């Protein structure tokens, strides 16, 4: 449970920090993610789940191509995280030209993380780094939602 809480914290902080850093940027801006409290010699993988683009001050999300199978299909373990109806303050996402909503909330973020990690085992990481100290940085990242493990 302790590791799961750490994982949840890493995912949430990374997603929010990358978004916050680049809130009013244009789509050519790249971001970075710093992972703190790393274990020296451990390999950390990063996976982009959602792409983020800007048009003026508007933000648009799409699903990264590697993650379509997570959200859609007969055995998609992430199917409950893209929904047709906004039941609160969910972020919009465009799926095949249709507006849907990213259903990742405080109530289901741990479950989402567990499912995303399971799916990530079959996906090539967007980047991998070995920690040389107590933190490491993934630089020059396209804007989006990322999972770091």
C-alpha atoms as a PDB file:
ATOM      1  CA  UNK A   1       0.000   0.000   0.000  1.00  0.00           C
ATOM      2  CA  UNK A   2       2.887   2.343   0.801  1.00  0.00           C
ATOM      3  CA  UNK A   3       4.335   1.875  -2.702  1.00  0.00           C
ATOM      4  CA  UNK A   4       0.919   2.399  -4.241  1.00  0.00           C
ATOM      5  CA  UNK A   5       0.532   5.707  -2.408  1.00  0.00           C
ATOM      6  CA  UNK A   6       3.976   6.784  -3.624  1.00  0.00           C
ATOM      7  CA  UNK A   7       3.037   5.827  -7.158  1.00  0.00           C
ATOM      8  CA  UNK A   8      -0.244   7.722  -6.918  1.00  0.00           C
ATOM      9  CA  UNK A   9       1.585  10.783  -5.612  1.00  0.00           C
ATOM     10  CA  UNK A  10       4.170  10.640  -8.396  1.00  0.00           C
ATOM     11  CA  UNK A  11       1.547  10.325 -11.125  1.00  0.00           C
ATOM     12  CA  UNK A  12      -0.661  13.087  -9.792  1.00  0.00           C
ATOM     13  CA  UNK A  13       2.172  15.531  -9.120  1.00  0.00           C
ATOM     14  CA  UNK A  14       3.753  14.881 -12.494  1.00  0.00           C
ATOM     15  CA  UNK A  15       0.550  15.347 -14.418  1.00  0.00           C
ATOM     16  CA  UNK A  16      -0.364  18.521 -12.591  1.00  0.00           C
ATOM     17  CA  UNK A  17       3.132  20.010 -12.664  1.00  0.00           C
ATOM     18  CA  UNK A  18       3.619  19.504 -16.399  1.00  0.00           C
ATOM     19  CA  UNK A  19       0.213  21.064 -17.093  1.00  0.00           C
ATOM     20  CA  UNK A  20       0.742  23.978 -14.687  1.00  0.00           C
ATOM     21  CA  UNK A  21       4.188  24.858 -16.024  1.00  0.00           C
ATOM     22  CA  UNK A  22       2.861  25.259 -19.540  1.00  0.00           C
ATOM     23  CA  UNK A  23      -0.650  26.595 -18.987  1.00  0.00           C
ATOM     24  CA  UNK A  24      -0.406  29.551 -21.353  1.00  0.00           C
ATOM     25  CA  UNK A  25       2.196  28.186 -23.727  1.00  0.00           C
ATOM     26  CA  UNK A  26       1.797  27.450 -27.387  1.00  0.00           C
ATOM     27  CA  UNK A  27       1.961  23.964 -28.824  1.00  0.00           C
ATOM     28  CA  UNK A  28       5.684  24.221 -29.698  1.00  0.00           C
ATOM     29  CA  UNK A  29       6.657  24.506 -26.038  1.00  0.00           C
ATOM     30  CA  UNK A  30       8.150  21.429 -24.443  1.00  0.00           C
ATOM     31  CA  UNK A  31       7.927  20.484 -20.799  1.00  0.00           C
ATOM     32  CA  UNK A  32       9.954  18.595 -18.248  1.00  0.00           C
ATOM     33  CA  UNK A  33       9.177  16.336 -15.339  1.00  0.00           C
ATOM     34  CA  UNK A  34      11.390  16.028 -12.271  1.00  0.00           C
ATOM     35  CA  UNK A  35      11.138  12.829 -10.252  1.00  0.00           C
ATOM     36  CA  UNK A  36      12.290  13.312  -6.656  1.00  0.00           C
ATOM     37  CA  UNK A  37      13.275  10.702  -4.079  1.00  0.00           C
ATOM     38  CA  UNK A  38      14.585   8.348  -6.737  1.00  0.00           C
ATOM     39  CA  UNK A  39      16.577   5.236  -5.888  1.00  0.00           C
ATOM     40  CA  UNK A  40      20.091   5.340  -7.302  1.00  0.00           C
ATOM     41  CA  UNK A  41      20.562   2.733 -10.040  1.00  0.00           C
ATOM     42  CA  UNK A  42      16.811   2.180 -10.532  1.00  0.00           C
ATOM     43  CA  UNK A  43      15.424   2.591 -14.057  1.00  0.00           C
ATOM     44  CA  UNK A  44      12.431   4.934 -14.399  1.00  0.00           C
ATOM     45  CA  UNK A  45      10.181   4.704 -17.453  1.00  0.00           C
ATOM     46  CA  UNK A  46       7.860   7.438 -18.708  1.00  0.00           C
ATOM     47  CA  UNK A  47       4.724   6.901 -20.800  1.00  0.00           C
ATOM     48  CA  UNK A  48       2.637   9.637 -22.452  1.00  0.00           C
ATOM     49  CA  UNK A  49      -1.041   8.707 -22.095  1.00  0.00           C
ATOM     50  CA  UNK A  50      -2.703  11.893 -23.403  1.00  0.00           C
ATOM     51  CA  UNK A  51      -1.417  14.462 -25.881  1.00  0.00           C
ATOM     52  CA  UNK A  52      -2.107  18.103 -25.060  1.00  0.00           C
ATOM     53  CA  UNK A  53      -2.257  20.883 -27.646  1.00  0.00           C
ATOM     54  CA  UNK A  54      -3.111  24.560 -27.527  1.00  0.00           C
ATOM     55  CA  UNK A  55      -5.100  26.773 -29.843  1.00  0.00           C
ATOM     56  CA  UNK A  56      -4.769  30.282 -28.479  1.00  0.00           C
ATOM     57  CA  UNK A  57      -5.733  29.918 -24.826  1.00  0.00           C
ATOM     58  CA  UNK A  58      -7.793  26.746 -25.420  1.00  0.00           C
ATOM     59  CA  UNK A  59      -6.459  23.336 -24.434  1.00  0.00           C
ATOM     60  CA  UNK A  60      -7.287  20.107 -26.282  1.00  0.00           C
ATOM     61  CA  UNK A  61      -6.529  16.530 -25.273  1.00  0.00           C
ATOM     62  CA  UNK A  62      -6.279  13.430 -27.443  1.00  0.00           C
ATOM     63  CA  UNK A  63      -5.281   9.885 -26.595  1.00  0.00           C
ATOM     64  CA  UNK A  64      -1.697   8.980 -27.434  1.00  0.00           C
ATOM     65  CA  UNK A  65      -1.760   6.301 -30.146  1.00  0.00           C
ATOM     66  CA  UNK A  66       0.012   3.763 -27.916  1.00  0.00           C
ATOM     67  CA  UNK A  67      -2.855   3.987 -25.402  1.00  0.00           C
ATOM     68  CA  UNK A  68      -5.900   3.501 -27.650  1.00  0.00           C
ATOM     69  CA  UNK A  69      -6.026  -0.162 -26.643  1.00  0.00           C
ATOM     70  CA  UNK A  70      -6.142   0.815 -22.980  1.00  0.00           C
ATOM     71  CA  UNK A  71      -9.302   2.888 -23.434  1.00  0.00           C
ATOM     72  CA  UNK A  72     -11.112   1.173 -26.322  1.00  0.00           C
ATOM     73  CA  UNK A  73     -11.872  -2.331 -27.474  1.00  0.00           C
ATOM     74  CA  UNK A  74     -13.505  -5.453 -26.148  1.00  0.00           C
ATOM     75  CA  UNK A  75     -11.057  -6.047 -23.268  1.00  0.00           C
ATOM     76  CA  UNK A  76     -10.000  -2.439 -22.619  1.00  0.00           C
ATOM     77  CA  UNK A  77      -9.120  -2.119 -18.926  1.00  0.00           C
ATOM     78  CA  UNK A  78      -9.285   1.684 -19.130  1.00  0.00           C
ATOM     79  CA  UNK A  79     -12.717   1.980 -20.750  1.00  0.00           C
ATOM     80  CA  UNK A  80     -14.266   3.624 -17.661  1.00  0.00           C
ATOM     81  CA  UNK A  81     -11.815   6.537 -17.810  1.00  0.00           C
ATOM     82  CA  UNK A  82     -13.227   8.032 -21.027  1.00  0.00           C
ATOM     83  CA  UNK A  83     -16.924   8.855 -20.625  1.00  0.00           C
ATOM     84  CA  UNK A  84     -19.670  10.490 -22.681  1.00  0.00           C
ATOM     85  CA  UNK A  85     -21.136  12.693 -19.917  1.00  0.00           C
ATOM     86  CA  UNK A  86     -19.358  15.222 -17.712  1.00  0.00           C
ATOM     87  CA  UNK A  87     -20.416  14.416 -14.156  1.00  0.00           C
ATOM     88  CA  UNK A  88     -18.433  17.278 -12.646  1.00  0.00           C
ATOM     89  CA  UNK A  89     -15.362  19.175 -13.708  1.00  0.00           C
ATOM     90  CA  UNK A  90     -13.808  16.568 -16.006  1.00  0.00           C
ATOM     91  CA  UNK A  91     -11.425  17.581 -18.787  1.00  0.00           C
ATOM     92  CA  UNK A  92     -12.749  17.332 -22.330  1.00  0.00           C
ATOM     93  CA  UNK A  93     -11.047  15.050 -24.818  1.00  0.00           C
ATOM     94  CA  UNK A  94     -11.639  14.571 -28.531  1.00  0.00           C
ATOM     95  CA  UNK A  95     -12.096  10.963 -29.622  1.00  0.00           C
ATOM     96  CA  UNK A  96     -12.687  10.367 -33.328  1.00  0.00           C
ATOM     97  CA  UNK A  97     -14.065  13.896 -33.683  1.00  0.00           C
ATOM     98  CA  UNK A  98     -16.453  13.476 -30.728  1.00  0.00           C
ATOM     99  CA  UNK A  99     -16.197  15.305 -27.402  1.00  0.00           C
ATOM    100  CA  UNK A 100     -15.859  12.984 -24.440  1.00  0.00           C
ATOM    101  CA  UNK A 101     -14.462  13.437 -20.928  1.00  0.00           C
ATOM    102  CA  UNK A 102     -11.416  12.147 -19.069  1.00  0.00           C
ATOM    103  CA  UNK A 103     -12.843  10.454 -15.974  1.00  0.00           C
ATOM    104  CA  UNK A 104      -9.772  10.512 -13.736  1.00  0.00           C
ATOM    105  CA  UNK A 105     -10.667  11.924 -10.338  1.00  0.00           C
ATOM    106  CA  UNK A 106      -9.417  11.875  -6.750  1.00  0.00           C
ATOM    107  CA  UNK A 107     -11.788   8.962  -6.137  1.00  0.00           C
ATOM    108  CA  UNK A 108     -10.361   6.701  -8.863  1.00  0.00           C
ATOM    109  CA  UNK A 109      -6.764   7.858  -9.413  1.00  0.00           C
ATOM    110  CA  UNK A 110      -5.249   4.905  -7.525  1.00  0.00           C
ATOM    111  CA  UNK A 111      -7.310   2.414  -9.542  1.00  0.00           C
ATOM    112  CA  UNK A 112      -6.444   4.257 -12.761  1.00  0.00           C
ATOM    113  CA  UNK A 113      -2.738   4.117 -11.895  1.00  0.00           C
ATOM    114  CA  UNK A 114      -2.875   0.382 -11.196  1.00  0.00           C
ATOM    115  CA  UNK A 115      -4.662  -0.272 -14.491  1.00  0.00           C
ATOM    116  CA  UNK A 116      -2.332   2.023 -16.441  1.00  0.00           C
ATOM    117  CA  UNK A 117       0.716   0.252 -14.997  1.00  0.00           C
ATOM    118  CA  UNK A 118      -0.711  -3.102 -16.007  1.00  0.00           C
ATOM    119  CA  UNK A 119      -1.259  -1.846 -19.547  1.00  0.00           C
ATOM    120  CA  UNK A 120       2.167  -0.147 -19.670  1.00  0.00           C
ATOM    121  CA  UNK A 121       3.868  -3.538 -19.376  1.00  0.00           C
ATOM    122  CA  UNK A 122       2.908  -4.114 -23.021  1.00  0.00           C
ATOM    123  CA  UNK A 123       3.803  -0.629 -24.289  1.00  0.00           C
ATOM    124  CA  UNK A 124       7.239   0.728 -25.134  1.00  0.00           C
ATOM    125  CA  UNK A 125       8.197   3.551 -22.785  1.00  0.00           C
ATOM    126  CA  UNK A 126       8.561   6.994 -24.350  1.00  0.00           C
ATOM    127  CA  UNK A 127      11.804   7.399 -22.407  1.00  0.00           C
ATOM    128  CA  UNK A 128      13.780   5.602 -19.713  1.00  0.00           C
ATOM    129  CA  UNK A 129      16.429   6.918 -17.356  1.00  0.00           C
ATOM    130  CA  UNK A 130      18.536   5.393 -14.634  1.00  0.00           C
ATOM    131  CA  UNK A 131      18.682   7.423 -11.442  1.00  0.00           C
ATOM    132  CA  UNK A 132      22.180   8.592 -10.544  1.00  0.00           C
ATOM    133  CA  UNK A 133      21.106  10.312  -7.336  1.00  0.00           C
ATOM    134  CA  UNK A 134      17.960  11.291  -5.478  1.00  0.00           C
ATOM    135  CA  UNK A 135      16.232  12.906  -8.463  1.00  0.00           C
ATOM    136  CA  UNK A 136      16.161  12.788 -12.237  1.00  0.00           C
ATOM    137  CA  UNK A 137      14.652  14.935 -14.960  1.00  0.00           C
ATOM    138  CA  UNK A 138      12.874  13.998 -18.175  1.00  0.00           C
ATOM    139  CA  UNK A 139      13.414  16.978 -20.502  1.00  0.00           C
ATOM    140  CA  UNK A 140      12.051  18.107 -23.853  1.00  0.00           C
ATOM    141  CA  UNK A 141       8.691  16.370 -23.393  1.00  0.00           C
ATOM    142  CA  UNK A 142       5.715  17.040 -25.616  1.00  0.00           C
ATOM    143  CA  UNK A 143       2.881  18.406 -23.490  1.00  0.00           C
ATOM    144  CA  UNK A 144       0.508  15.797 -22.107  1.00  0.00           C
ATOM    145  CA  UNK A 145      -0.452  13.473 -19.260  1.00  0.00           C
ATOM    146  CA  UNK A 146       2.375  11.123 -18.324  1.00  0.00           C
ATOM    147  CA  UNK A 147       2.795   8.027 -16.200  1.00  0.00           C
ATOM    148  CA  UNK A 148       6.218   7.532 -14.611  1.00  0.00           C
ATOM    149  CA  UNK A 149       7.196   4.169 -13.176  1.00  0.00           C
END
